[in-house]
Amino acid sequence: SYRVFAGLEYDISKNHQVAAQIKYSNGDGCLDMANDMWYCKQGVTYYDKTQWIYKDDNIDNLVGSLFYNGKLGEHFKIYSDLNYNYYNNKSHTLLSQQDLFNTEIRYLSKKNYLRYNADATYSIGKSSVKFSYSTTWIKAEAKDMLRNIGQSETEDYRNRLFTYYSCKVSPKFSCSLGGAGEWIS
């Protein structure tokens, strides 16, 4: 199991910065456990069956991000980010209870995620107006690799647009008014 992280930041000019980061992790988890099952009936303790569980996970996770932060003049600020995530988990489970049942599951779970966000804020004095847009795409897959049953695949697109007005009336009181709309497919 290991993790890698790298990032950089660059000032294009006094009012414009870009940054990037990437994270990768790989994890192997293993559980091997045996349970003796005991029970008590009318004050007498009995030994029943042995249960054995083995579980092995192999997980890959990659996250990459790009950021932009800028200022145009004194009143106008822009922020934007782009994020991507890839996740993959291969899971293997064996479960056995003496003389009763045995089962094996090999499960695969994958996810791709992409999100873009942009914000623009215009400020004058004690008031500001903000406009934002974000879009998200997610594709997920899960399946039982042994029996090829229970397979599911989903894809989701979301677009969100919102705005709000904010005003600081006094040092102790401010108000905001806004709205948002979201489209999902």
Protein backbone atom coordinates (compact mmCIF):
# COMPACT_ATOMS: atom_id res chain seq x y z
CA SER A 1 0.00 0.00 0.00
CA TYR A 2 1.36 3.42 -0.90
CA ARG A 3 0.39 7.03 -1.62
CA VAL A 4 1.88 9.60 -3.98
CA PHE A 5 1.06 13.31 -3.93
CA ALA A 6 2.40 16.08 -6.15
CA GLY A 7 1.34 19.67 -6.66
CA LEU A 8 2.51 22.90 -8.18
CA GLU A 9 1.43 26.50 -8.15
CA TYR A 10 2.35 29.18 -10.68
CA ASP A 11 1.73 32.93 -10.59
CA ILE A 12 0.99 34.00 -14.16
CA SER A 13 0.96 37.60 -12.99
CA LYS A 14 0.20 39.54 -9.83
CA ASN A 15 -3.55 38.88 -10.16
CA HIS A 16 -3.64 35.48 -11.90
CA GLN A 17 -2.59 32.11 -10.44
CA VAL A 18 -2.88 28.52 -11.63
CA ALA A 19 -2.29 25.38 -9.62
CA ALA A 20 -2.41 21.63 -10.18
CA GLN A 21 -2.28 18.62 -7.94
CA ILE A 22 -2.40 14.89 -8.34
CA LYS A 23 -2.92 12.19 -5.71
CA TYR A 24 -2.61 8.46 -6.21
CA SER A 25 -3.10 5.75 -3.64
CA ASN A 26 -3.03 2.00 -3.85
CA GLY A 27 -4.25 -0.11 -1.00
CA ASP A 28 -4.25 -3.81 -0.39
CA GLY A 29 -6.32 -4.94 2.56
CA CYS A 30 -6.56 -8.50 3.73
CA LEU A 31 -8.66 -10.04 6.50
CA ASP A 32 -8.39 -13.70 7.50
CA MET A 33 -10.51 -14.65 10.49
CA ALA A 34 -11.89 -17.84 12.06
CA ASN A 35 -14.67 -17.86 14.66
CA ASP A 36 -15.69 -20.70 16.91
CA MET A 37 -19.37 -20.38 17.68
CA TRP A 38 -20.57 -21.22 21.18
CA TYR A 39 -24.05 -21.02 22.60
CA CYS A 40 -25.72 -21.61 25.91
CA LYS A 41 -28.93 -23.60 26.35
CA GLN A 42 -30.49 -24.07 29.80
CA GLY A 43 -27.20 -23.25 31.52
CA VAL A 44 -25.13 -25.69 29.44
CA THR A 45 -22.55 -24.32 26.98
CA TYR A 46 -22.28 -26.05 23.60
CA TYR A 47 -19.76 -25.76 20.76
CA ASP A 48 -21.46 -25.45 17.39
CA LYS A 49 -19.65 -24.67 14.17
CA THR A 50 -16.58 -22.85 12.96
CA GLN A 51 -16.99 -19.86 10.66
CA TRP A 52 -14.12 -18.74 8.45
CA ILE A 53 -13.92 -15.40 6.57
CA TYR A 54 -11.26 -14.34 4.10
CA LYS A 55 -11.46 -10.93 2.42
CA ASP A 56 -8.90 -9.34 0.10
CA ASP A 57 -9.29 -5.83 -1.39
CA ASN A 58 -7.12 -4.14 -3.99
CA ILE A 59 -7.98 -0.44 -4.37
CA ASP A 60 -6.58 2.11 -6.84
CA ASN A 61 -7.59 5.75 -6.44
CA LEU A 62 -6.38 8.63 -8.65
CA VAL A 63 -7.44 12.26 -8.17
CA GLY A 64 -6.25 15.12 -10.40
CA SER A 65 -7.17 18.80 -10.07
CA LEU A 66 -6.49 22.07 -11.90
CA PHE A 67 -7.26 25.47 -10.35
CA TYR A 68 -7.37 29.05 -11.63
CA ASN A 69 -7.78 32.16 -9.48
CA GLY A 70 -7.80 35.62 -11.04
CA LYS A 71 -8.74 39.22 -10.54
CA LEU A 72 -9.68 41.66 -13.32
CA GLY A 73 -9.49 45.22 -12.06
CA GLU A 74 -10.57 46.07 -8.54
CA HIS A 75 -14.08 44.66 -8.62
CA PHE A 76 -14.14 41.43 -10.66
CA LYS A 77 -12.81 38.05 -9.41
CA ILE A 78 -12.82 34.70 -11.24
CA TYR A 79 -12.27 31.25 -9.83
CA SER A 80 -12.35 27.94 -11.69
CA ASP A 81 -11.45 24.32 -10.97
CA LEU A 82 -11.47 21.03 -12.86
CA ASN A 83 -11.38 17.74 -10.91
CA TYR A 84 -11.09 14.14 -12.08
CA ASN A 85 -11.30 10.97 -9.95
CA TYR A 86 -10.75 7.34 -11.01
CA TYR A 87 -11.51 4.65 -8.44
CA ASN A 88 -11.14 0.89 -8.90
CA ASN A 89 -11.71 -1.80 -6.24
CA LYS A 90 -11.31 -5.52 -6.80
CA SER A 91 -12.67 -7.43 -3.84
CA HIS A 92 -12.45 -11.18 -3.17
CA THR A 93 -14.40 -12.71 -0.27
CA LEU A 94 -14.64 -16.31 0.90
CA LEU A 95 -17.10 -17.25 3.64
CA SER A 96 -17.43 -20.75 5.05
CA GLN A 97 -19.39 -22.19 7.94
CA GLN A 98 -18.53 -25.81 8.72
CA ASP A 99 -21.06 -28.30 7.29
CA LEU A 100 -23.55 -25.53 6.46
CA PHE A 101 -22.43 -23.40 3.53
CA ASN A 102 -19.52 -22.06 1.51
CA THR A 103 -19.63 -19.00 -0.70
CA GLU A 104 -17.18 -16.99 -2.78
CA ILE A 105 -17.65 -13.48 -4.14
CA ARG A 106 -15.38 -11.66 -6.57
CA TYR A 107 -16.63 -8.11 -6.90
CA LEU A 108 -15.43 -5.27 -9.12
CA SER A 109 -16.33 -1.64 -8.49
CA LYS A 110 -15.19 1.24 -10.75
CA LYS A 111 -15.96 4.95 -10.80
CA ASN A 112 -15.00 7.83 -13.10
CA TYR A 113 -15.87 11.33 -11.89
CA LEU A 114 -15.31 14.67 -13.65
CA ARG A 115 -16.40 18.06 -12.28
CA TYR A 116 -15.90 21.58 -13.60
CA ASN A 117 -16.75 24.67 -11.57
CA ALA A 118 -16.54 28.37 -12.48
CA ASP A 119 -17.37 31.39 -10.28
CA ALA A 120 -17.42 35.07 -11.16
CA THR A 121 -17.92 37.71 -8.46
CA TYR A 122 -18.44 41.43 -9.00
CA SER A 123 -18.05 43.57 -5.85
CA ILE A 124 -18.60 47.29 -5.25
CA GLY A 125 -18.30 48.66 -1.73
CA LYS A 126 -20.34 46.54 0.64
CA SER A 127 -22.30 44.60 -1.97
CA SER A 128 -21.48 41.84 -4.43
CA VAL A 129 -23.09 39.71 -7.11
CA LYS A 130 -21.89 36.16 -7.73
CA PHE A 131 -22.59 33.93 -10.76
CA SER A 132 -21.57 30.29 -10.74
CA TYR A 133 -21.80 27.29 -13.01
CA SER A 134 -20.80 23.69 -12.35
CA THR A 135 -21.12 20.49 -14.33
CA THR A 136 -20.52 16.96 -13.10
CA TRP A 137 -20.23 13.63 -14.90
CA ILE A 138 -20.13 10.34 -13.00
CA LYS A 139 -19.91 6.87 -14.49
CA ALA A 140 -19.99 3.93 -12.07
CA GLU A 141 -19.85 0.20 -12.66
CA ALA A 142 -20.25 -2.70 -10.25
CA LYS A 143 -20.40 -6.41 -10.98
CA ASP A 144 -20.00 -9.87 -9.55
CA MET A 145 -17.10 -11.27 -11.59
CA LEU A 146 -17.70 -14.94 -10.69
CA ARG A 147 -21.35 -15.31 -11.58
CA ASN A 148 -21.64 -12.29 -13.88
CA ILE A 149 -24.84 -11.29 -12.09
CA GLY A 150 -25.83 -8.16 -10.27
CA GLN A 151 -24.04 -6.01 -12.80
CA SER A 152 -24.96 -2.36 -12.68
CA GLU A 153 -23.73 0.60 -14.66
CA THR A 154 -24.87 4.16 -14.12
CA GLU A 155 -24.04 7.43 -15.81
CA ASP A 156 -25.07 10.76 -14.35
CA TYR A 157 -24.79 14.31 -15.78
CA ARG A 158 -25.54 17.34 -13.65
CA ASN A 159 -25.46 21.01 -14.57
CA ARG A 160 -25.98 23.67 -11.95
CA LEU A 161 -26.35 27.42 -12.37
CA PHE A 162 -26.73 29.75 -9.42
CA THR A 163 -26.41 33.40 -8.50
CA TYR A 164 -26.80 35.52 -5.43
CA TYR A 165 -26.60 39.11 -4.30
CA SER A 166 -25.04 39.96 -0.94
CA CYS A 167 -25.00 43.26 0.91
CA LYS A 168 -23.45 44.23 4.24
CA VAL A 169 -25.89 46.76 5.71
CA SER A 170 -23.96 47.38 8.96
CA PRO A 171 -20.99 45.82 10.77
CA LYS A 172 -23.38 43.33 12.46
CA PHE A 173 -26.00 42.78 9.74
CA SER A 174 -25.83 41.54 6.17
CA CYS A 175 -28.35 40.03 3.79
CA SER A 176 -28.21 37.78 0.75
CA LEU A 177 -30.70 36.81 -1.92
CA GLY A 178 -30.12 34.15 -4.55
CA GLY A 179 -31.38 31.30 -6.63
CA ALA A 180 -30.20 28.11 -8.28
CA GLY A 181 -31.25 25.74 -11.01
CA GLU A 182 -30.05 22.19 -11.62
CA TRP A 183 -30.51 19.88 -14.60
CA ILE A 184 -29.86 16.15 -14.16
CA SER A 185 -29.83 13.39 -16.74
